[in-house]
Amino acid sequence: MKEEGNKRHVNSKKISENSQALEALKKKMSVYTEQLSKYSQQRLILPEDSYWDDTQQAYEYRQLHTIWLTDELNFKRGLLFLKAMKIHKLILAFNFEAIKSALRLLINRTNLDLNDRDHREYLKNMWQTIHLITPLVSTTFASFSSMYKGIEKDFIDYLFIDEAGQANPQQAAGAIWRSKKVVAVGDPIQIEPVVTIDQTILGDIKKYFKVADQYIGMGTSVQTLADLANPYGMFNNYNQWIGTPLWVHRRCFNPMFTIANDIAYDNKMVLGIEGQGKSAWFDCKGPATNRQFVKVQGDLVADHIMELWKKAAGPPNVYVISPFTAVKDGIKKVLKDRLKSMNVSAKVLNGWIQNSVGTVHTFQGKEAEIVYFVTGTDENSDGAANWSCSKPNLINVAVTRAKQELYVIGDYSRFSKKPNYTSIAKNIGNVQHTNQSTINLSVKR
């Protein structure tokens, strides 16, 4: 009997302990559920098993949603930045005399003797003050060497290189040497660096100095070297290593997004905006003059630009892009002649044409609501047409300049069968012949 009593006592104690533990767990669960409800309203994303699923839907969700971030956290980050700006303003206000001296020295820095140790120290102090006034300084590689002349190694805290896929490594060497940390941002599947040195001479340089192809090749850029130094990334379908790829695209509607995703990004990009764009392929062909310019294509572009100009009651948000300089020059001439008849002032007309008509190389990093991509060429200049699509880079840039509407003007039967153009033909679908009435080109503003 005594043993049974002891057992009952032990069991009763265990039941009591388990009940207390259960109540404690219920309270914790209640607090957790309450917190989860609170943070779900702030769009908190938790790394649950479904987040890491190996499905296309989960992949796209991961690209668009970052774990452990909330609206409250982002709001407090914003407040912190505003407070930092207030402190920055006060520092400038209470040190205006020193700042005035630094600005005077900035203007007259060419008078400094850089062989003099004291003068070099003055220059260094001046730039430190300028960086305090303006923490972000923007310049080009062409101007950098003269701008920071006399500044030595590891002076700049952070160097951000934009459009790094277009820059030769040699252009960036001086800026990188003067910087402690470098962030290169670019796309190796867009326009490559322009190398004017003959390939034979490049080969001789590589051989004499024993430099590897990856440092001085025709397609080598700051971005490709930065990618090679990055342990995080992936190989694309061209067996090219891409460092820390950023897959979310927020510029273009479809079909521009789908075309670029298909020809350049192995369909790994994710569209971060909602909406459907407009597109058409105008089947327009004729004899090419001045190598690649087709007059009837230039006339068709001019018809559309004049219509858009009238609707916008001024310069429309449009780019006219071609792979070829001859096409660019021919279209500029046609547009000038046609738009003059609308009594557009020479200043407005020349400014718009200068900024809105050009080759693909001049438009990387830019965007417009509407893009006309003019292929040019005829059967006798088909070699140039084949060059324009030998890699996806050029077409990728041309297509993704268009935010809302893309119109291709060219010989459909010839170009639609060429590499990379096939994706444009497949995704646009809407083919119109030049003898048909033009489509509605209304612009969403």
Protein backbone atom coordinates (compact mmCIF):
# COMPACT_ATOMS: atom_id res chain seq x y z
CA MET A 1 0.00 0.00 0.00
CA LYS A 2 2.85 2.29 0.86
CA GLU A 3 4.45 1.66 -2.55
CA GLU A 4 1.19 2.43 -4.33
CA GLY A 5 0.88 5.65 -2.38
CA ASN A 6 4.39 6.67 -3.38
CA LYS A 7 3.67 5.88 -7.03
CA ARG A 8 0.47 7.93 -6.92
CA HIS A 9 2.40 10.78 -5.32
CA VAL A 10 5.13 10.63 -7.98
CA ASN A 11 2.58 10.43 -10.80
CA SER A 12 0.60 13.29 -9.33
CA LYS A 13 3.79 15.37 -9.10
CA LYS A 14 4.69 14.55 -12.72
CA ILE A 15 1.20 15.45 -13.87
CA SER A 16 1.42 18.74 -11.99
CA GLU A 17 4.87 19.50 -13.48
CA ASN A 18 3.71 18.58 -16.97
CA SER A 19 0.62 20.73 -16.56
CA GLN A 20 2.74 23.68 -15.48
CA ALA A 21 5.12 23.09 -18.43
CA LEU A 22 2.13 22.87 -20.78
CA GLU A 23 0.73 26.14 -19.46
CA ALA A 24 4.13 27.79 -19.89
CA LEU A 25 4.30 26.50 -23.47
CA LYS A 26 0.78 27.77 -24.14
CA LYS A 27 1.76 31.22 -22.89
CA LYS A 28 4.88 31.20 -25.07
CA MET A 29 2.79 30.01 -28.00
CA SER A 30 0.28 32.78 -27.39
CA VAL A 31 3.05 35.40 -27.30
CA TYR A 32 4.63 33.90 -30.44
CA THR A 33 1.27 33.85 -32.27
CA GLU A 34 0.62 37.45 -31.25
CA GLN A 35 4.09 38.52 -32.45
CA LEU A 36 3.69 36.55 -35.66
CA SER A 37 0.37 38.25 -36.33
CA LYS A 38 1.94 41.64 -35.65
CA TYR A 39 4.92 41.02 -37.93
CA SER A 40 2.85 39.44 -40.68
CA GLN A 41 1.09 42.80 -40.96
CA GLN A 42 4.56 44.29 -41.47
CA ARG A 43 5.28 41.77 -44.23
CA LEU A 44 7.84 39.72 -42.30
CA ILE A 45 9.08 36.72 -44.33
CA LEU A 46 10.22 33.69 -42.34
CA PRO A 47 12.61 31.09 -43.81
CA GLU A 48 10.16 28.20 -43.54
CA ASP A 49 10.59 24.96 -45.50
CA SER A 50 8.28 26.15 -48.29
CA TYR A 51 10.51 29.20 -48.79
CA TRP A 52 13.37 26.91 -49.90
CA ASP A 53 11.31 24.56 -52.09
CA ASP A 54 12.89 23.56 -55.39
CA THR A 55 10.05 24.89 -57.53
CA GLN A 56 9.83 27.81 -59.97
CA GLN A 57 7.15 29.45 -57.81
CA ALA A 58 9.32 29.24 -54.68
CA TYR A 59 12.37 30.47 -56.64
CA GLU A 60 10.52 33.57 -57.85
CA TYR A 61 9.14 34.18 -54.34
CA ARG A 62 12.68 34.03 -52.85
CA GLN A 63 13.96 36.55 -55.38
CA LEU A 64 11.16 39.00 -54.60
CA HIS A 65 10.98 38.59 -50.81
CA THR A 66 13.88 38.96 -48.35
CA ILE A 67 13.69 37.13 -45.03
CA TRP A 68 13.72 38.83 -41.62
CA LEU A 69 12.82 42.32 -42.88
CA THR A 70 9.79 44.29 -41.68
CA ASP A 71 8.20 47.62 -42.53
CA GLU A 72 8.99 48.82 -39.00
CA LEU A 73 12.70 48.02 -39.43
CA ASN A 74 12.83 49.84 -42.77
CA PHE A 75 11.00 52.82 -41.26
CA LYS A 76 13.52 53.03 -38.41
CA ARG A 77 16.35 52.82 -40.93
CA GLY A 78 14.82 55.82 -42.68
CA LEU A 79 14.59 57.76 -39.42
CA LEU A 80 18.22 56.92 -38.64
CA PHE A 81 19.28 58.28 -42.02
CA LEU A 82 17.33 61.51 -41.50
CA LYS A 83 18.95 62.01 -38.08
CA ALA A 84 22.37 61.38 -39.60
CA MET A 85 21.62 64.04 -42.22
CA LYS A 86 20.73 66.52 -39.46
CA ILE A 87 24.04 65.85 -37.72
CA HIS A 88 25.81 66.26 -41.06
CA LYS A 89 24.10 69.63 -41.58
CA LEU A 90 25.15 70.83 -38.14
CA ILE A 91 28.77 69.78 -38.72
CA LEU A 92 28.85 71.81 -41.94
CA ALA A 93 27.18 74.83 -40.33
CA PHE A 94 29.58 74.99 -37.37
CA ASN A 95 32.68 74.49 -39.53
CA PHE A 96 31.87 76.81 -42.40
CA GLU A 97 35.23 78.63 -42.27
CA ALA A 98 37.23 75.43 -42.75
CA ILE A 99 34.78 74.35 -45.47
CA LYS A 100 35.21 77.65 -47.34
CA SER A 101 38.98 77.18 -47.27
CA ALA A 102 38.65 73.64 -48.62
CA LEU A 103 36.40 74.82 -51.47
CA ARG A 104 38.86 77.57 -52.40
CA LEU A 105 41.67 75.03 -52.46
CA LEU A 106 39.55 72.69 -54.59
CA ILE A 107 39.16 75.40 -57.22
CA ASN A 108 42.85 76.31 -57.14
CA ARG A 109 44.37 72.86 -56.53
CA THR A 110 46.29 72.97 -59.84
CA ASN A 111 48.52 75.61 -58.22
CA LEU A 112 49.80 73.12 -55.63
CA ASP A 113 53.28 71.68 -56.02
CA LEU A 114 52.74 67.94 -55.72
CA ASN A 115 56.47 67.37 -55.16
CA ASP A 116 56.16 69.32 -51.92
CA ARG A 117 55.22 67.15 -48.92
CA ASP A 118 53.22 69.94 -47.25
CA HIS A 119 51.28 70.65 -50.42
CA ARG A 120 50.39 66.99 -50.78
CA GLU A 121 49.12 67.06 -47.19
CA TYR A 122 47.04 70.16 -47.99
CA LEU A 123 45.56 68.27 -50.96
CA LYS A 124 44.75 65.25 -48.83
CA ASN A 125 43.05 67.36 -46.14
CA MET A 126 41.12 69.25 -48.81
CA TRP A 127 39.71 66.05 -50.31
CA GLN A 128 38.81 64.70 -46.87
CA THR A 129 36.78 67.86 -46.25
CA ILE A 130 35.16 67.67 -49.70
CA HIS A 131 34.19 64.06 -49.02
CA LEU A 132 32.63 65.21 -45.75
CA ILE A 133 30.61 67.91 -47.54
CA THR A 134 29.58 65.55 -50.35
CA PRO A 135 29.95 61.92 -49.25
CA LEU A 136 29.13 60.73 -52.78
CA VAL A 137 31.28 62.12 -55.60
CA SER A 138 30.43 61.12 -59.17
CA THR A 139 32.94 61.17 -62.01
CA THR A 140 34.19 59.20 -65.02
CA PHE A 141 37.35 57.17 -65.47
CA ALA A 142 38.45 59.66 -68.12
CA SER A 143 38.36 62.48 -65.56
CA PHE A 144 39.48 60.52 -62.51
CA SER A 145 43.25 60.71 -63.05
CA SER A 146 43.26 64.52 -63.25
CA MET A 147 40.59 64.94 -60.59
CA TYR A 148 42.46 62.90 -57.95
CA LYS A 149 45.99 63.71 -59.11
CA GLY A 150 48.39 63.58 -56.16
CA ILE A 151 46.12 61.33 -54.07
CA GLU A 152 47.78 58.09 -53.01
CA LYS A 153 46.84 54.50 -52.30
CA ASP A 154 43.80 53.53 -50.13
CA PHE A 155 42.53 57.10 -49.75
CA ILE A 156 38.92 56.54 -50.88
CA ASP A 157 36.85 54.40 -48.52
CA TYR A 158 34.43 52.96 -51.08
CA LEU A 159 34.58 52.99 -54.88
CA PHE A 160 31.35 52.07 -56.68
CA ILE A 161 31.85 51.29 -60.37
CA ASP A 162 28.59 51.52 -62.33
CA GLU A 163 28.22 49.93 -65.80
CA ALA A 164 31.36 47.94 -64.98
CA GLY A 165 30.69 45.63 -67.92
CA GLN A 166 31.54 48.48 -70.32
CA ALA A 167 34.82 49.51 -68.65
CA ASN A 168 38.25 48.17 -69.54
CA PRO A 169 40.20 47.01 -66.45
CA GLN A 170 43.03 49.39 -67.35
CA GLN A 171 40.64 52.36 -67.17
CA ALA A 172 39.75 51.51 -63.58
CA ALA A 173 43.24 50.66 -62.28
CA GLY A 174 44.04 54.11 -60.85
CA ALA A 175 40.68 54.46 -59.12
CA ILE A 176 40.90 50.96 -57.65
CA TRP A 177 44.47 51.59 -56.41
CA ARG A 178 43.28 54.68 -54.54
CA SER A 179 40.37 52.84 -52.88
CA LYS A 180 40.11 50.61 -49.84
CA LYS A 181 37.01 48.73 -51.00
CA VAL A 182 35.45 48.38 -54.44
CA VAL A 183 31.93 47.38 -55.51
CA ALA A 184 31.58 46.68 -59.24
CA VAL A 185 28.03 46.72 -60.61
CA GLY A 186 27.43 45.74 -64.20
CA ASP A 187 26.15 43.18 -66.66
CA PRO A 188 28.60 41.13 -68.76
CA ILE A 189 25.71 40.16 -71.07
CA GLN A 190 25.24 43.77 -72.16
CA ILE A 191 27.56 46.00 -74.21
CA GLU A 192 31.18 44.96 -73.86
CA PRO A 193 34.10 47.43 -73.62
CA VAL A 194 35.10 49.13 -76.86
CA VAL A 195 38.71 48.15 -77.64
CA THR A 196 40.29 50.19 -80.42
CA ILE A 197 43.69 48.44 -80.33
CA ASP A 198 44.23 45.89 -83.10
CA GLN A 199 43.85 42.26 -82.00
CA THR A 200 47.35 41.43 -83.27
CA ILE A 201 48.88 44.20 -81.15
CA LEU A 202 46.92 42.98 -78.12
CA GLY A 203 48.29 39.50 -78.74
CA ASP A 204 51.85 40.84 -78.86
CA ILE A 205 51.32 42.75 -75.60
CA LYS A 206 49.95 39.65 -73.88
CA LYS A 207 52.85 37.55 -75.11
CA TYR A 208 55.59 40.06 -74.22
CA PHE A 209 54.30 40.80 -70.70
CA LYS A 210 52.98 37.24 -70.16
CA VAL A 211 49.48 38.47 -69.36
CA ALA A 212 46.58 35.98 -69.33
CA ASP A 213 43.71 36.44 -71.79
CA GLN A 214 41.24 37.12 -69.00
CA TYR A 215 43.04 40.39 -68.13
CA ILE A 216 43.45 41.93 -71.57
CA GLY A 217 41.08 40.09 -73.94
CA MET A 218 38.64 41.85 -76.28
CA GLY A 219 35.67 41.02 -74.04
CA THR A 220 37.46 41.59 -70.73
CA SER A 221 35.88 44.21 -68.47
CA VAL A 222 36.03 45.37 -64.88
CA GLN A 223 32.89 43.31 -64.35
CA THR A 224 34.29 40.05 -65.72
CA LEU A 225 37.40 40.37 -63.50
CA ALA A 226 35.28 41.28 -60.47
CA ASP A 227 33.10 38.23 -61.17
CA LEU A 228 36.16 35.96 -61.33
CA ALA A 229 37.25 37.26 -57.91
CA ASN A 230 33.80 36.64 -56.42
CA PRO A 231 33.40 33.20 -54.76
CA TYR A 232 29.60 33.52 -54.86
CA GLY A 233 27.85 33.12 -58.19
CA MET A 234 27.01 30.69 -60.98
CA PHE A 235 27.93 29.62 -64.50
CA ASN A 236 25.52 30.68 -67.24
CA ASN A 237 24.76 28.80 -70.46
CA TYR A 238 27.83 30.36 -72.08
CA ASN A 239 30.02 28.80 -69.35
CA GLN A 240 30.69 32.30 -68.03
CA TRP A 241 31.03 32.83 -64.28
CA ILE A 242 28.57 35.46 -63.00
CA GLY A 243 29.33 36.82 -59.52
CA THR A 244 26.40 37.48 -57.17
CA PRO A 245 23.74 37.73 -59.88
CA LEU A 246 20.82 40.06 -59.14
CA TRP A 247 17.84 38.45 -60.81
CA VAL A 248 14.91 40.80 -60.11
CA HIS A 249 14.11 43.04 -63.10
CA ARG A 250 11.96 46.13 -62.60
CA ARG A 251 12.33 48.17 -65.81
CA CYS A 252 10.46 46.47 -68.62
CA PHE A 253 7.04 44.98 -69.12
CA ASN A 254 6.58 41.90 -71.26
CA PRO A 255 7.45 40.96 -73.95
CA MET A 256 10.73 42.90 -73.49
CA PHE A 257 11.43 41.12 -70.21
CA THR A 258 10.77 37.67 -71.65
CA ILE A 259 12.96 38.30 -74.71
CA ALA A 260 15.94 39.39 -72.59
CA ASN A 261 15.38 36.57 -70.11
CA ASP A 262 15.37 34.06 -72.96
CA ILE A 263 18.42 35.21 -74.93
CA ALA A 264 20.73 36.37 -72.12
CA TYR A 265 19.76 35.16 -68.65
CA ASP A 266 18.84 31.47 -68.97
CA ASN A 267 15.27 32.40 -67.92
CA LYS A 268 16.47 32.97 -64.37
CA MET A 269 15.36 36.60 -64.13
CA VAL A 270 12.19 37.40 -62.19
CA LEU A 271 9.85 40.23 -63.17
CA GLY A 272 9.33 42.55 -60.22
CA ILE A 273 6.60 44.76 -61.74
CA GLU A 274 3.07 44.09 -62.95
CA GLY A 275 1.72 45.08 -66.34
CA GLN A 276 1.73 44.14 -70.01
CA GLY A 277 3.53 46.16 -72.64
CA LYS A 278 2.80 46.75 -76.33
CA SER A 279 4.91 45.45 -79.19
CA ALA A 280 4.93 44.84 -82.92
CA TRP A 281 7.30 43.93 -85.70
CA PHE A 282 6.90 46.16 -88.77
CA ASP A 283 7.96 44.08 -91.75
CA CYS A 284 9.71 46.74 -93.79
CA LYS A 285 12.48 46.13 -96.33
CA GLY A 286 14.21 47.88 -99.18
CA PRO A 287 17.64 48.56 -100.69
CA ALA A 288 20.33 49.70 -98.24
CA THR A 289 22.36 52.81 -98.95
CA ASN A 290 25.51 53.93 -97.17
CA ARG A 291 26.10 50.31 -96.15
CA GLN A 292 23.10 49.61 -93.84
CA PHE A 293 20.54 52.45 -94.01
CA VAL A 294 17.18 51.53 -95.58
CA LYS A 295 15.28 54.68 -96.58
CA VAL A 296 11.78 53.20 -96.27
CA GLN A 297 12.56 52.15 -92.68
CA GLY A 298 13.65 55.71 -91.85
CA ASP A 299 10.44 57.08 -93.39
CA LEU A 300 8.33 54.65 -91.36
CA VAL A 301 10.06 55.71 -88.13
CA ALA A 302 9.49 59.37 -89.02
CA ASP A 303 5.77 58.73 -89.60
CA HIS A 304 5.43 57.25 -86.12
CA ILE A 305 7.53 59.90 -84.40
CA MET A 306 5.47 62.68 -85.99
CA GLU A 307 2.27 61.02 -84.75
CA LEU A 308 3.67 60.65 -81.23
CA TRP A 309 4.96 64.25 -81.26
CA LYS A 310 1.48 65.53 -82.10
CA LYS A 311 -0.16 63.44 -79.38
CA ALA A 312 2.36 64.54 -76.75
CA ALA A 313 2.25 68.17 -77.99
CA GLY A 314 6.03 68.12 -77.75
CA PRO A 315 9.04 65.78 -77.71
CA PRO A 316 7.86 62.21 -76.97
CA ASN A 317 9.58 59.84 -74.55
CA VAL A 318 10.95 57.66 -77.33
CA TYR A 319 14.29 56.17 -78.34
CA VAL A 320 15.16 55.19 -81.91
CA ILE A 321 17.96 52.62 -81.72
CA SER A 322 19.95 50.70 -84.32
CA PRO A 323 23.05 48.52 -84.25
CA PHE A 324 24.60 50.62 -87.03
CA THR A 325 26.00 54.15 -87.24
CA ALA A 326 24.85 54.48 -90.87
CA VAL A 327 21.24 53.78 -89.84
CA LYS A 328 21.49 56.24 -86.96
CA ASP A 329 22.82 58.99 -89.26
CA GLY A 330 20.20 58.29 -91.94
CA ILE A 331 17.30 58.38 -89.47
CA LYS A 332 18.55 61.62 -87.92
CA LYS A 333 18.55 63.27 -91.34
CA VAL A 334 15.04 62.03 -92.20
CA LEU A 335 13.66 63.13 -88.82
CA LYS A 336 15.18 66.60 -89.11
CA ASP A 337 13.67 67.08 -92.55
CA ARG A 338 10.23 65.80 -91.53
CA LEU A 339 9.92 67.47 -88.12
CA LYS A 340 10.90 70.85 -89.52
CA SER A 341 7.59 70.79 -91.38
CA MET A 342 5.84 70.76 -87.96
CA ASN A 343 7.50 74.09 -87.07
CA VAL A 344 9.54 72.51 -84.28
CA SER A 345 12.27 74.89 -83.16
CA ALA A 346 15.80 73.95 -84.20
CA LYS A 347 16.99 73.93 -80.57
CA VAL A 348 14.25 71.56 -79.39
CA LEU A 349 14.57 69.37 -82.48
CA ASN A 350 18.37 69.05 -82.33
CA GLY A 351 18.32 68.40 -78.58
CA TRP A 352 15.71 65.66 -78.88
CA ILE A 353 17.43 63.98 -81.83
CA GLN A 354 20.79 64.09 -80.07
CA ASN A 355 19.38 62.41 -76.95
CA SER A 356 16.85 60.05 -78.55
CA VAL A 357 18.40 58.66 -81.75
CA GLY A 358 21.58 56.60 -81.70
CA THR A 359 23.33 53.26 -81.77
CA VAL A 360 22.79 50.63 -79.09
CA HIS A 361 26.19 51.44 -77.55
CA THR A 362 25.07 54.98 -76.62
CA PHE A 363 21.93 53.90 -74.77
CA GLN A 364 23.18 51.42 -72.18
CA GLY A 365 22.01 52.53 -68.73
CA LYS A 366 19.15 54.59 -70.19
CA GLU A 367 15.44 53.91 -70.65
CA ALA A 368 12.36 55.28 -72.42
CA GLU A 369 8.68 54.43 -72.49
CA ILE A 370 8.86 53.53 -76.20
CA VAL A 371 11.73 52.12 -78.26
CA TYR A 372 11.98 51.67 -82.02
CA PHE A 373 14.65 49.12 -82.89
CA VAL A 374 15.63 49.58 -86.56
CA THR A 375 17.59 46.65 -88.01
CA GLY A 376 18.61 48.24 -91.35
CA THR A 377 20.61 46.22 -93.97
CA ASP A 378 19.49 44.28 -97.02
CA GLU A 379 20.56 40.98 -98.63
CA ASN A 380 23.82 42.56 -99.81
CA SER A 381 24.77 43.66 -96.28
CA ASP A 382 23.60 40.53 -94.47
CA GLY A 383 27.05 40.04 -92.95
CA ALA A 384 26.50 43.16 -90.85
CA ALA A 385 23.12 41.80 -89.78
CA ASN A 386 24.77 38.54 -88.70
CA TRP A 387 27.33 40.51 -86.67
CA SER A 388 24.55 42.32 -84.78
CA CYS A 389 23.17 39.03 -83.42
CA SER A 390 26.35 36.95 -83.09
CA LYS A 391 26.11 37.51 -79.32
CA PRO A 392 23.04 38.34 -77.22
CA ASN A 393 24.64 41.48 -75.74
CA LEU A 394 23.60 44.07 -78.32
CA ILE A 395 20.01 42.88 -78.75
CA ASN A 396 19.66 42.46 -74.98
CA VAL A 397 20.52 46.13 -74.43
CA ALA A 398 18.32 47.38 -77.28
CA VAL A 399 15.23 45.48 -76.15
CA THR A 400 15.54 46.35 -72.46
CA ARG A 401 15.71 50.11 -73.07
CA ALA A 402 11.94 49.96 -73.64
CA LYS A 403 9.88 50.24 -70.46
CA GLN A 404 6.42 49.88 -72.00
CA GLU A 405 6.49 49.53 -75.78
CA LEU A 406 8.88 47.93 -78.29
CA TYR A 407 8.60 48.19 -82.06
CA VAL A 408 11.02 46.42 -84.39
CA ILE A 409 11.39 47.74 -87.93
CA GLY A 410 13.12 45.42 -90.37
CA ASP A 411 12.94 42.60 -92.88
CA TYR A 412 10.92 39.99 -90.96
CA SER A 413 11.54 37.03 -93.28
CA ARG A 414 15.32 37.52 -93.02
CA PHE A 415 15.83 38.60 -89.40
CA SER A 416 13.25 36.39 -87.70
CA LYS A 417 15.42 33.35 -88.53
CA LYS A 418 18.65 34.79 -87.10
CA PRO A 419 20.04 33.95 -83.63
CA ASN A 420 18.51 36.01 -80.82
CA TYR A 421 16.15 37.75 -83.27
CA THR A 422 14.15 34.51 -83.26
CA SER A 423 13.21 35.18 -79.63
CA ILE A 424 11.98 38.68 -80.56
CA ALA A 425 9.84 37.23 -83.38
CA LYS A 426 8.48 34.48 -81.13
CA ASN A 427 7.53 36.76 -78.24
CA ILE A 428 6.25 39.76 -80.21
CA GLY A 429 4.05 37.73 -82.52
CA ASN A 430 2.30 40.82 -83.90
CA VAL A 431 3.76 41.27 -87.41
CA GLN A 432 2.51 44.17 -89.51
CA HIS A 433 3.42 44.84 -93.12
CA THR A 434 4.15 48.39 -94.20
CA ASN A 435 1.06 48.58 -96.38
CA GLN A 436 -1.17 48.01 -93.35
CA SER A 437 -2.50 50.82 -91.18
CA THR A 438 -0.26 51.64 -88.23
CA ILE A 439 -1.15 50.39 -84.76
CA ASN A 440 -2.29 52.58 -81.91
CA LEU A 441 0.81 54.14 -80.35
CA SER A 442 -0.78 55.90 -77.39
CA VAL A 443 1.68 56.47 -74.56
CA LYS A 444 0.73 55.91 -70.92
CA ARG A 445 1.79 58.92 -68.90
